[in-house]
Amino acid sequence: MQTPADPERTAASMNICNHGVYFATEQSLPQGVMIQVHLKMPREVVGDDVAEWCFTGRVVHVESLGAANDKLGVGVQFLYYEVPRISL
């Protein structure tokens, strides 16, 4: 994930569908901010040699994952995506 003013960070998705993704992170993201999410998709899922999809989305939900956990759960709604093609 990446906001324009922040460096790239790595996060593992906890839930994903065709409309968005939910992941845990230590970075505080305000609702409404636009971010880019780069997802590595296995060939078995997409049926192609595309290694990574780039989604642009909006943070729509942020919640604490509990007092014992300093991470936040972040929900992002996908607005559009790009699929880089491999040149042959």
PDB file of N, CA and C in Angstrom:
ATOM      1  N   MET A   1       0.840  -1.182   0.000  1.00  0.00           N
ATOM      2  CA  MET A   1       0.000   0.000   0.000  1.00  0.00           C
ATOM      3  C   MET A   1       0.874   1.228   0.000  1.00  0.00           C
ATOM      4  N   GLN A   2       0.379   2.311  -0.548  1.00  0.00           N
ATOM      5  CA  GLN A   2       1.191   3.515  -0.631  1.00  0.00           C
ATOM      6  C   GLN A   2       0.292   4.733  -0.800  1.00  0.00           C
ATOM      7  N   THR A   3       0.535   5.748   0.014  1.00  0.00           N
ATOM      8  CA  THR A   3      -0.110   7.035  -0.194  1.00  0.00           C
ATOM      9  C   THR A   3       0.923   7.927  -0.852  1.00  0.00           C
ATOM     10  N   PRO A   4       0.530   8.989  -1.521  1.00  0.00           N
ATOM     11  CA  PRO A   4       1.502   9.808  -2.247  1.00  0.00           C
ATOM     12  C   PRO A   4       2.652  10.324  -1.402  1.00  0.00           C
ATOM     13  N   ALA A   5       2.422  10.639  -0.133  1.00  0.00           N
ATOM     14  CA  ALA A   5       3.468  11.231   0.699  1.00  0.00           C
ATOM     15  C   ALA A   5       4.220  10.195   1.532  1.00  0.00           C
ATOM     16  N   ASP A   6       3.820   8.947   1.482  1.00  0.00           N
ATOM     17  CA  ASP A   6       4.418   7.919   2.327  1.00  0.00           C
ATOM     18  C   ASP A   6       5.161   6.877   1.498  1.00  0.00           C
ATOM     19  N   PRO A   7       6.181   6.269   2.108  1.00  0.00           N
ATOM     20  CA  PRO A   7       6.885   5.193   1.408  1.00  0.00           C
ATOM     21  C   PRO A   7       6.012   3.938   1.344  1.00  0.00           C
ATOM     22  N   GLU A   8       6.418   3.030   0.502  1.00  0.00           N
ATOM     23  CA  GLU A   8       5.699   1.771   0.349  1.00  0.00           C
ATOM     24  C   GLU A   8       5.823   0.928   1.612  1.00  0.00           C
ATOM     25  N   ARG A   9       4.755   0.246   1.964  1.00  0.00           N
ATOM     26  CA  ARG A   9       4.718  -0.636   3.136  1.00  0.00           C
ATOM     27  C   ARG A   9       4.159  -1.989   2.706  1.00  0.00           C
ATOM     28  N   THR A  10       4.495  -3.013   3.455  1.00  0.00           N
ATOM     29  CA  THR A  10       3.998  -4.357   3.188  1.00  0.00           C
ATOM     30  C   THR A  10       2.962  -4.728   4.229  1.00  0.00           C
ATOM     31  N   ALA A  11       1.877  -5.368   3.779  1.00  0.00           N
ATOM     32  CA  ALA A  11       0.835  -5.838   4.684  1.00  0.00           C
ATOM     33  C   ALA A  11       0.239  -7.109   4.097  1.00  0.00           C
ATOM     34  N   ALA A  12      -0.231  -7.976   4.958  1.00  0.00           N
ATOM     35  CA  ALA A  12      -0.892  -9.197   4.505  1.00  0.00           C
ATOM     36  C   ALA A  12      -2.398  -8.979   4.553  1.00  0.00           C
ATOM     37  N   SER A  13      -3.061  -9.327   3.463  1.00  0.00           N
ATOM     38  CA  SER A  13      -4.514  -9.150   3.440  1.00  0.00           C
ATOM     39  C   SER A  13      -5.173 -10.185   4.348  1.00  0.00           C
ATOM     40  N   MET A  14      -6.235  -9.756   5.013  1.00  0.00           N
ATOM     41  CA  MET A  14      -7.003 -10.643   5.885  1.00  0.00           C
ATOM     42  C   MET A  14      -8.285 -11.092   5.194  1.00  0.00           C
ATOM     43  N   ASN A  15      -8.726 -10.289   4.212  1.00  0.00           N
ATOM     44  CA  ASN A  15      -9.941 -10.588   3.477  1.00  0.00           C
ATOM     45  C   ASN A  15      -9.868  -9.816   2.168  1.00  0.00           C
ATOM     46  N   ILE A  16     -10.247 -10.452   1.079  1.00  0.00           N
ATOM     47  CA  ILE A  16     -10.212  -9.778  -0.213  1.00  0.00           C
ATOM     48  C   ILE A  16     -11.372 -10.266  -1.064  1.00  0.00           C
ATOM     49  N   CYS A  17     -11.934  -9.339  -1.847  1.00  0.00           N
ATOM     50  CA  CYS A  17     -12.980  -9.691  -2.801  1.00  0.00           C
ATOM     51  C   CYS A  17     -12.830  -8.765  -4.003  1.00  0.00           C
ATOM     52  N   ASN A  18     -13.735  -8.859  -4.960  1.00  0.00           N
ATOM     53  CA  ASN A  18     -13.596  -8.031  -6.158  1.00  0.00           C
ATOM     54  C   ASN A  18     -13.878  -6.558  -5.901  1.00  0.00           C
ATOM     55  N   HIS A  19     -14.421  -6.205  -4.734  1.00  0.00           N
ATOM     56  CA  HIS A  19     -14.732  -4.805  -4.411  1.00  0.00           C
ATOM     57  C   HIS A  19     -13.687  -4.138  -3.527  1.00  0.00           C
ATOM     58  N   GLY A  20     -12.849  -4.928  -2.842  1.00  0.00           N
ATOM     59  CA  GLY A  20     -11.880  -4.308  -1.952  1.00  0.00           C
ATOM     60  C   GLY A  20     -11.054  -5.303  -1.174  1.00  0.00           C
ATOM     61  N   VAL A  21     -10.307  -4.771  -0.215  1.00  0.00           N
ATOM     62  CA  VAL A  21      -9.415  -5.586   0.599  1.00  0.00           C
ATOM     63  C   VAL A  21      -9.436  -5.061   2.035  1.00  0.00           C
ATOM     64  N   TYR A  22      -9.214  -5.978   2.986  1.00  0.00           N
ATOM     65  CA  TYR A  22      -9.106  -5.641   4.403  1.00  0.00           C
ATOM     66  C   TYR A  22      -7.773  -6.201   4.868  1.00  0.00           C
ATOM     67  N   PHE A  23      -6.949  -5.356   5.496  1.00  0.00           N
ATOM     68  CA  PHE A  23      -5.631  -5.790   5.933  1.00  0.00           C
ATOM     69  C   PHE A  23      -5.273  -5.175   7.271  1.00  0.00           C
ATOM     70  N   ALA A  24      -4.280  -5.762   7.924  1.00  0.00           N
ATOM     71  CA  ALA A  24      -3.768  -5.258   9.201  1.00  0.00           C
ATOM     72  C   ALA A  24      -2.488  -4.477   8.943  1.00  0.00           C
ATOM     73  N   THR A  25      -2.348  -3.339   9.630  1.00  0.00           N
ATOM     74  CA  THR A  25      -1.154  -2.517   9.479  1.00  0.00           C
ATOM     75  C   THR A  25      -0.897  -1.734  10.767  1.00  0.00           C
ATOM     76  N   GLU A  26       0.343  -1.334  10.932  1.00  0.00           N
ATOM     77  CA  GLU A  26       0.695  -0.464  12.059  1.00  0.00           C
ATOM     78  C   GLU A  26       0.581   1.003  11.666  1.00  0.00           C
ATOM     79  N   GLN A  27       0.431   1.270  10.395  1.00  0.00           N
ATOM     80  CA  GLN A  27       0.343   2.649   9.897  1.00  0.00           C
ATOM     81  C   GLN A  27      -1.083   3.165  10.036  1.00  0.00           C
ATOM     82  N   SER A  28      -1.207   4.356  10.594  1.00  0.00           N
ATOM     83  CA  SER A  28      -2.510   4.987  10.724  1.00  0.00           C
ATOM     84  C   SER A  28      -2.892   5.616   9.383  1.00  0.00           C
ATOM     85  N   LEU A  29      -4.040   5.221   8.864  1.00  0.00           N
ATOM     86  CA  LEU A  29      -4.542   5.761   7.601  1.00  0.00           C
ATOM     87  C   LEU A  29      -5.901   6.395   7.854  1.00  0.00           C
ATOM     88  N   PRO A  30      -6.087   7.644   7.501  1.00  0.00           N
ATOM     89  CA  PRO A  30      -7.386   8.284   7.726  1.00  0.00           C
ATOM     90  C   PRO A  30      -8.413   7.810   6.698  1.00  0.00           C
ATOM     91  N   GLN A  31      -9.667   7.746   7.123  1.00  0.00           N
ATOM     92  CA  GLN A  31     -10.736   7.406   6.199  1.00  0.00           C
ATOM     93  C   GLN A  31     -10.775   8.428   5.077  1.00  0.00           C
ATOM     94  N   GLY A  32     -11.038   7.962   3.867  1.00  0.00           N
ATOM     95  CA  GLY A  32     -11.150   8.833   2.714  1.00  0.00           C
ATOM     96  C   GLY A  32      -9.874   9.001   1.915  1.00  0.00           C
ATOM     97  N   VAL A  33      -8.718   8.653   2.493  1.00  0.00           N
ATOM     98  CA  VAL A  33      -7.458   8.817   1.780  1.00  0.00           C
ATOM     99  C   VAL A  33      -7.383   7.793   0.643  1.00  0.00           C
ATOM    100  N   MET A  34      -6.821   8.235  -0.479  1.00  0.00           N
ATOM    101  CA  MET A  34      -6.609   7.355  -1.629  1.00  0.00           C
ATOM    102  C   MET A  34      -5.258   6.672  -1.481  1.00  0.00           C
ATOM    103  N   ILE A  35      -5.215   5.364  -1.748  1.00  0.00           N
ATOM    104  CA  ILE A  35      -3.959   4.622  -1.690  1.00  0.00           C
ATOM    105  C   ILE A  35      -3.867   3.688  -2.890  1.00  0.00           C
ATOM    106  N   GLN A  36      -2.650   3.246  -3.149  1.00  0.00           N
ATOM    107  CA  GLN A  36      -2.420   2.207  -4.144  1.00  0.00           C
ATOM    108  C   GLN A  36      -2.118   0.921  -3.403  1.00  0.00           C
ATOM    109  N   VAL A  37      -2.705  -0.160  -3.882  1.00  0.00           N
ATOM    110  CA  VAL A  37      -2.489  -1.484  -3.307  1.00  0.00           C
ATOM    111  C   VAL A  37      -1.954  -2.373  -4.420  1.00  0.00           C
ATOM    112  N   HIS A  38      -0.794  -2.952  -4.194  1.00  0.00           N
ATOM    113  CA  HIS A  38      -0.196  -3.875  -5.158  1.00  0.00           C
ATOM    114  C   HIS A  38      -0.375  -5.288  -4.620  1.00  0.00           C
ATOM    115  N   LEU A  39      -1.092  -6.117  -5.360  1.00  0.00           N
ATOM    116  CA  LEU A  39      -1.359  -7.489  -4.925  1.00  0.00           C
ATOM    117  C   LEU A  39      -0.609  -8.471  -5.815  1.00  0.00           C
ATOM    118  N   LYS A  40       0.088  -9.383  -5.175  1.00  0.00           N
ATOM    119  CA  LYS A  40       0.740 -10.462  -5.906  1.00  0.00           C
ATOM    120  C   LYS A  40      -0.268 -11.599  -6.014  1.00  0.00           C
ATOM    121  N   MET A  41      -0.580 -11.953  -7.251  1.00  0.00           N
ATOM    122  CA  MET A  41      -1.614 -12.946  -7.512  1.00  0.00           C
ATOM    123  C   MET A  41      -0.976 -14.215  -8.079  1.00  0.00           C
ATOM    124  N   PRO A  42      -1.245 -15.368  -7.477  1.00  0.00           N
ATOM    125  CA  PRO A  42      -0.691 -16.611  -8.015  1.00  0.00           C
ATOM    126  C   PRO A  42      -1.341 -16.988  -9.344  1.00  0.00           C
ATOM    127  N   ARG A  43      -0.583 -17.621 -10.206  1.00  0.00           N
ATOM    128  CA  ARG A  43      -1.075 -18.034 -11.523  1.00  0.00           C
ATOM    129  C   ARG A  43      -2.324 -18.902 -11.396  1.00  0.00           C
ATOM    130  N   GLU A  44      -2.395 -19.719 -10.361  1.00  0.00           N
ATOM    131  CA  GLU A  44      -3.549 -20.600 -10.164  1.00  0.00           C
ATOM    132  C   GLU A  44      -4.841 -19.804  -9.966  1.00  0.00           C
ATOM    133  N   VAL A  45      -4.725 -18.575  -9.490  1.00  0.00           N
ATOM    134  CA  VAL A  45      -5.903 -17.735  -9.248  1.00  0.00           C
ATOM    135  C   VAL A  45      -6.301 -16.977 -10.513  1.00  0.00           C
ATOM    136  N   VAL A  46      -5.337 -16.366 -11.193  1.00  0.00           N
ATOM    137  CA  VAL A  46      -5.651 -15.505 -12.331  1.00  0.00           C
ATOM    138  C   VAL A  46      -5.513 -16.186 -13.684  1.00  0.00           C
ATOM    139  N   GLY A  47      -4.865 -17.358 -13.731  1.00  0.00           N
ATOM    140  CA  GLY A  47      -4.727 -18.082 -14.982  1.00  0.00           C
ATOM    141  C   GLY A  47      -3.826 -17.410 -15.996  1.00  0.00           C
ATOM    142  N   ASP A  48      -2.948 -16.551 -15.564  1.00  0.00           N
ATOM    143  CA  ASP A  48      -2.061 -15.820 -16.462  1.00  0.00           C
ATOM    144  C   ASP A  48      -0.724 -15.626 -15.754  1.00  0.00           C
ATOM    145  N   ASP A  49       0.251 -15.108 -16.487  1.00  0.00           N
ATOM    146  CA  ASP A  49       1.577 -14.882 -15.913  1.00  0.00           C
ATOM    147  C   ASP A  49       1.735 -13.506 -15.287  1.00  0.00           C
ATOM    148  N   VAL A  50       0.644 -12.807 -15.012  1.00  0.00           N
ATOM    149  CA  VAL A  50       0.711 -11.499 -14.367  1.00  0.00           C
ATOM    150  C   VAL A  50       1.093 -11.717 -12.908  1.00  0.00           C
ATOM    151  N   ALA A  51       2.212 -11.135 -12.504  1.00  0.00           N
ATOM    152  CA  ALA A  51       2.713 -11.348 -11.150  1.00  0.00           C
ATOM    153  C   ALA A  51       2.064 -10.415 -10.140  1.00  0.00           C
ATOM    154  N   GLU A  52       1.660  -9.226 -10.571  1.00  0.00           N
ATOM    155  CA  GLU A  52       1.181  -8.227  -9.624  1.00  0.00           C
ATOM    156  C   GLU A  52       0.102  -7.356 -10.271  1.00  0.00           C
ATOM    157  N   TRP A  53      -0.944  -7.073  -9.509  1.00  0.00           N
ATOM    158  CA  TRP A  53      -2.008  -6.173  -9.956  1.00  0.00           C
ATOM    159  C   TRP A  53      -1.903  -4.914  -9.114  1.00  0.00           C
ATOM    160  N   CYS A  54      -2.154  -3.774  -9.705  1.00  0.00           N
ATOM    161  CA  CYS A  54      -2.083  -2.492  -9.006  1.00  0.00           C
ATOM    162  C   CYS A  54      -3.488  -1.897  -8.916  1.00  0.00           C
ATOM    163  N   PHE A  55      -4.009  -1.782  -7.693  1.00  0.00           N
ATOM    164  CA  PHE A  55      -5.339  -1.232  -7.447  1.00  0.00           C
ATOM    165  C   PHE A  55      -5.215   0.158  -6.835  1.00  0.00           C
ATOM    166  N   THR A  56      -6.080   1.049  -7.229  1.00  0.00           N
ATOM    167  CA  THR A  56      -6.215   2.337  -6.562  1.00  0.00           C
ATOM    168  C   THR A  56      -7.540   2.287  -5.827  1.00  0.00           C
ATOM    169  N   GLY A  57      -7.502   2.679  -4.562  1.00  0.00           N
ATOM    170  CA  GLY A  57      -8.719   2.613  -3.765  1.00  0.00           C
ATOM    171  C   GLY A  57      -8.774   3.685  -2.709  1.00  0.00           C
ATOM    172  N   ARG A  58      -9.884   3.692  -2.003  1.00  0.00           N
ATOM    173  CA  ARG A  58     -10.137   4.670  -0.944  1.00  0.00           C
ATOM    174  C   ARG A  58     -10.307   3.924   0.375  1.00  0.00           C
ATOM    175  N   VAL A  59      -9.659   4.423   1.425  1.00  0.00           N
ATOM    176  CA  VAL A  59      -9.826   3.849   2.763  1.00  0.00           C
ATOM    177  C   VAL A  59     -11.240   4.183   3.242  1.00  0.00           C
ATOM    178  N   VAL A  60     -12.025   3.148   3.517  1.00  0.00           N
ATOM    179  CA  VAL A  60     -13.410   3.357   3.928  1.00  0.00           C
ATOM    180  C   VAL A  60     -13.672   2.917   5.361  1.00  0.00           C
ATOM    181  N   HIS A  61     -12.719   2.212   5.964  1.00  0.00           N
ATOM    182  CA  HIS A  61     -12.955   1.686   7.313  1.00  0.00           C
ATOM    183  C   HIS A  61     -11.616   1.488   8.017  1.00  0.00           C
ATOM    184  N   VAL A  62     -11.507   1.969   9.234  1.00  0.00           N
ATOM    185  CA  VAL A  62     -10.308   1.764  10.054  1.00  0.00           C
ATOM    186  C   VAL A  62     -10.766   1.418  11.456  1.00  0.00           C
ATOM    187  N   GLU A  63     -10.213   0.329  12.025  1.00  0.00           N
ATOM    188  CA  GLU A  63     -10.585  -0.071  13.381  1.00  0.00           C
ATOM    189  C   GLU A  63      -9.391  -0.668  14.108  1.00  0.00           C
ATOM    190  N   SER A  64      -9.395  -0.562  15.421  1.00  0.00           N
ATOM    191  CA  SER A  64      -8.371  -1.174  16.240  1.00  0.00           C
ATOM    192  C   SER A  64      -8.584  -2.677  16.240  1.00  0.00           C
ATOM    193  N   LEU A  65      -7.500  -3.426  16.208  1.00  0.00           N
ATOM    194  CA  LEU A  65      -7.608  -4.887  16.251  1.00  0.00           C
ATOM    195  C   LEU A  65      -7.471  -5.426  17.677  1.00  0.00           C
ATOM    196  N   GLY A  66      -7.694  -4.571  18.661  1.00  0.00           N
ATOM    197  CA  GLY A  66      -7.689  -5.011  20.050  1.00  0.00           C
ATOM    198  C   GLY A  66      -6.600  -4.355  20.864  1.00  0.00           C
ATOM    199  N   ALA A  67      -6.827  -4.300  22.172  1.00  0.00           N
ATOM    200  CA  ALA A  67      -5.894  -3.634  23.088  1.00  0.00           C
ATOM    201  C   ALA A  67      -4.537  -4.329  23.121  1.00  0.00           C
ATOM    202  N   ALA A  68      -4.512  -5.643  22.957  1.00  0.00           N
ATOM    203  CA  ALA A  68      -3.248  -6.378  23.003  1.00  0.00           C
ATOM    204  C   ALA A  68      -2.499  -6.314  21.671  1.00  0.00           C
ATOM    205  N   ASN A  69      -3.118  -5.720  20.674  1.00  0.00           N
ATOM    206  CA  ASN A  69      -2.525  -5.656  19.342  1.00  0.00           C
ATOM    207  C   ASN A  69      -2.424  -4.185  18.935  1.00  0.00           C
ATOM    208  N   ASP A  70      -1.242  -3.746  18.535  1.00  0.00           N
ATOM    209  CA  ASP A  70      -1.078  -2.341  18.147  1.00  0.00           C
ATOM    210  C   ASP A  70      -1.385  -2.108  16.671  1.00  0.00           C
ATOM    211  N   LYS A  71      -1.965  -3.086  16.010  1.00  0.00           N
ATOM    212  CA  LYS A  71      -2.290  -2.945  14.597  1.00  0.00           C
ATOM    213  C   LYS A  71      -3.719  -2.462  14.393  1.00  0.00           C
ATOM    214  N   LEU A  72      -3.926  -1.872  13.230  1.00  0.00           N
ATOM    215  CA  LEU A  72      -5.252  -1.412  12.824  1.00  0.00           C
ATOM    216  C   LEU A  72      -5.744  -2.276  11.673  1.00  0.00           C
ATOM    217  N   GLY A  73      -7.044  -2.506  11.644  1.00  0.00           N
ATOM    218  CA  GLY A  73      -7.660  -3.158  10.503  1.00  0.00           C
ATOM    219  C   GLY A  73      -8.134  -2.071   9.546  1.00  0.00           C
ATOM    220  N   VAL A  74      -7.739  -2.166   8.291  1.00  0.00           N
ATOM    221  CA  VAL A  74      -8.055  -1.140   7.304  1.00  0.00           C
ATOM    222  C   VAL A  74      -8.821  -1.775   6.144  1.00  0.00           C
ATOM    223  N   GLY A  75      -9.971  -1.194   5.828  1.00  0.00           N
ATOM    224  CA  GLY A  75     -10.762  -1.634   4.687  1.00  0.00           C
ATOM    225  C   GLY A  75     -10.618  -0.640   3.553  1.00  0.00           C
ATOM    226  N   VAL A  76     -10.298  -1.138   2.362  1.00  0.00           N
ATOM    227  CA  VAL A  76     -10.107  -0.293   1.186  1.00  0.00           C
ATOM    228  C   VAL A  76     -11.084  -0.728   0.102  1.00  0.00           C
ATOM    229  N   GLN A  77     -11.815   0.228  -0.432  1.00  0.00           N
ATOM    230  CA  GLN A  77     -12.714  -0.015  -1.560  1.00  0.00           C
ATOM    231  C   GLN A  77     -11.938   0.234  -2.841  1.00  0.00           C
ATOM    232  N   PHE A  78     -11.898  -0.772  -3.730  1.00  0.00           N
ATOM    233  CA  PHE A  78     -11.211  -0.606  -5.008  1.00  0.00           C
ATOM    234  C   PHE A  78     -12.019   0.307  -5.914  1.00  0.00           C
ATOM    235  N   LEU A  79     -11.333   1.246  -6.563  1.00  0.00           N
ATOM    236  CA  LEU A  79     -11.964   2.141  -7.528  1.00  0.00           C
ATOM    237  C   LEU A  79     -11.606   1.742  -8.961  1.00  0.00           C
ATOM    238  N   TYR A  80     -10.350   1.383  -9.181  1.00  0.00           N
ATOM    239  CA  TYR A  80      -9.929   0.872 -10.484  1.00  0.00           C
ATOM    240  C   TYR A  80      -8.611   0.135 -10.313  1.00  0.00           C
ATOM    241  N   TYR A  81      -8.216  -0.580 -11.352  1.00  0.00           N
ATOM    242  CA  TYR A  81      -6.984  -1.341 -11.278  1.00  0.00           C
ATOM    243  C   TYR A  81      -6.270  -1.375 -12.625  1.00  0.00           C
ATOM    244  N   GLU A  82      -4.985  -1.721 -12.561  1.00  0.00           N
ATOM    245  CA  GLU A  82      -4.165  -1.897 -13.748  1.00  0.00           C
ATOM    246  C   GLU A  82      -3.501  -3.249 -13.647  1.00  0.00           C
ATOM    247  N   VAL A  83      -3.413  -3.929 -14.773  1.00  0.00           N
ATOM    248  CA  VAL A  83      -2.730  -5.214 -14.830  1.00  0.00           C
ATOM    249  C   VAL A  83      -1.561  -5.073 -15.790  1.00  0.00           C
ATOM    250  N   PRO A  84      -0.349  -5.019 -15.256  1.00  0.00           N
ATOM    251  CA  PRO A  84       0.812  -4.914 -16.150  1.00  0.00           C
ATOM    252  C   PRO A  84       0.972  -6.201 -16.954  1.00  0.00           C
ATOM    253  N   ARG A  85       1.115  -6.077 -18.244  1.00  0.00           N
ATOM    254  CA  ARG A  85       1.302  -7.230 -19.119  1.00  0.00           C
ATOM    255  C   ARG A  85       2.775  -7.505 -19.339  1.00  0.00           C
ATOM    256  N   ILE A  86       3.093  -8.758 -19.441  1.00  0.00           N
ATOM    257  CA  ILE A  86       4.472  -9.167 -19.692  1.00  0.00           C
ATOM    258  C   ILE A  86       4.732  -9.081 -21.191  1.00  0.00           C
ATOM    259  N   SER A  87       5.787  -8.386 -21.581  1.00  0.00           N
ATOM    260  CA  SER A  87       6.147  -8.268 -22.998  1.00  0.00           C
ATOM    261  C   SER A  87       6.865  -9.524 -23.445  1.00  0.00           C
ATOM    262  N   LEU A  88       6.499  -9.994 -24.613  1.00  0.00           N
ATOM    263  CA  LEU A  88       7.165 -11.182 -25.162  1.00  0.00           C
ATOM    264  C   LEU A  88       8.092 -10.795 -26.280  1.00  0.00           C
TER     265      LEU A  88
END
